[in-house]
Amino acid sequence: MGRNPAVGRQGPAHHAAVIPSEASAKALAVKQIRSEIGHSETMRRTLRALGLRHHQQTVQVPNTSSVRGMLIKVRHLIEVSPAQES
């Protein structure tokens, strides 16, 4: 039968990362806030390709169109912010 789609992660409290445009930041800080357990293998591979190996880990990635595409795929598992300039 499956899970009722009307129950769970929906409505205004639903978390989905907002990804800044390429013009607003050169690099992005990406933090994994939800586990990959229970998600498809392609999502797990996407997290690994971004450099995220553990829950609550933060990595810096360049703000390119290919990386933004990967971030969109796993936007419900991550939190994105502009990286600190150093």
Protein backbone atom coordinates (compact mmCIF):
# COMPACT_ATOMS: atom_id res chain seq x y z
CA MET A 1 0.00 0.00 0.00
CA GLY A 2 2.76 2.46 0.84
CA ARG A 3 3.12 5.63 2.78
CA ASN A 4 0.40 8.27 2.75
CA PRO A 5 1.91 11.19 0.80
CA ALA A 6 -0.25 13.72 2.67
CA VAL A 7 1.48 12.87 5.97
CA GLY A 8 5.02 13.89 6.86
CA ARG A 9 7.33 16.44 5.27
CA GLN A 10 4.87 18.83 3.68
CA GLY A 11 3.54 22.30 4.28
CA PRO A 12 5.35 25.49 5.31
CA ALA A 13 7.64 23.68 7.75
CA HIS A 14 9.01 21.39 5.00
CA HIS A 15 12.76 21.82 4.77
CA ALA A 16 14.35 22.31 1.38
CA ALA A 17 17.69 24.08 1.05
CA VAL A 18 17.73 27.38 -0.83
CA ILE A 19 20.72 27.40 -3.18
CA PRO A 20 22.33 30.82 -3.85
CA SER A 21 22.88 31.87 -7.45
CA GLU A 22 26.32 31.76 -9.03
CA ALA A 23 26.55 35.57 -8.98
CA SER A 24 25.95 35.85 -5.23
CA ALA A 25 28.72 33.52 -3.95
CA LYS A 26 31.85 31.92 -5.42
CA ALA A 27 31.83 29.02 -2.96
CA LEU A 28 29.16 27.35 -0.85
CA ALA A 29 29.26 25.73 2.58
CA VAL A 30 27.14 22.58 2.48
CA LYS A 31 26.11 20.80 5.68
CA GLN A 32 24.39 17.42 5.74
CA ILE A 33 21.50 17.73 8.19
CA ARG A 34 19.63 14.50 7.49
CA SER A 35 20.85 10.95 7.12
CA GLU A 36 21.19 9.16 3.81
CA ILE A 37 19.62 6.05 5.34
CA GLY A 38 16.33 5.23 3.64
CA HIS A 39 17.10 7.22 0.50
CA SER A 40 17.96 5.97 -2.96
CA GLU A 41 21.45 4.92 -4.01
CA THR A 42 21.69 7.84 -6.44
CA MET A 43 21.14 10.30 -3.57
CA ARG A 44 23.82 8.53 -1.53
CA ARG A 45 26.24 8.77 -4.45
CA THR A 46 25.42 12.45 -4.89
CA LEU A 47 26.23 13.15 -1.22
CA ARG A 48 29.54 11.27 -1.61
CA ALA A 49 30.36 13.22 -4.78
CA LEU A 50 29.82 16.45 -2.86
CA GLY A 51 32.30 15.22 -0.23
CA LEU A 52 29.73 14.55 2.49
CA ARG A 53 30.59 11.33 4.31
CA HIS A 54 28.92 11.81 7.70
CA HIS A 55 25.81 13.33 9.23
CA GLN A 56 26.40 16.96 10.40
CA GLN A 57 29.57 17.24 8.28
CA THR A 58 30.24 20.55 6.49
CA VAL A 59 32.20 20.91 3.24
CA GLN A 60 32.98 23.80 0.92
CA VAL A 61 32.21 23.35 -2.76
CA PRO A 62 32.54 25.72 -5.75
CA ASN A 63 29.34 27.41 -6.88
CA THR A 64 29.07 26.01 -10.40
CA SER A 65 26.05 24.87 -12.36
CA SER A 66 26.98 21.18 -12.07
CA VAL A 67 27.38 21.41 -8.29
CA ARG A 68 24.10 23.33 -7.98
CA GLY A 69 22.40 20.51 -9.90
CA MET A 70 23.73 18.01 -7.37
CA LEU A 71 22.58 20.22 -4.49
CA ILE A 72 19.07 20.41 -5.96
CA LYS A 73 18.90 16.61 -6.08
CA VAL A 74 19.58 16.27 -2.33
CA ARG A 75 18.19 19.63 -1.15
CA HIS A 76 16.01 17.96 1.50
CA LEU A 77 19.09 16.38 3.14
CA ILE A 78 21.37 19.44 3.26
CA GLU A 79 21.68 23.03 4.39
CA VAL A 80 23.47 25.51 2.09
CA SER A 81 25.04 28.87 2.89
CA PRO A 82 27.66 31.09 1.22
CA ALA A 83 31.19 30.05 2.26
CA GLN A 84 33.30 32.37 4.38
CA GLU A 85 36.01 34.20 2.41
CA SER A 86 39.49 33.41 3.70
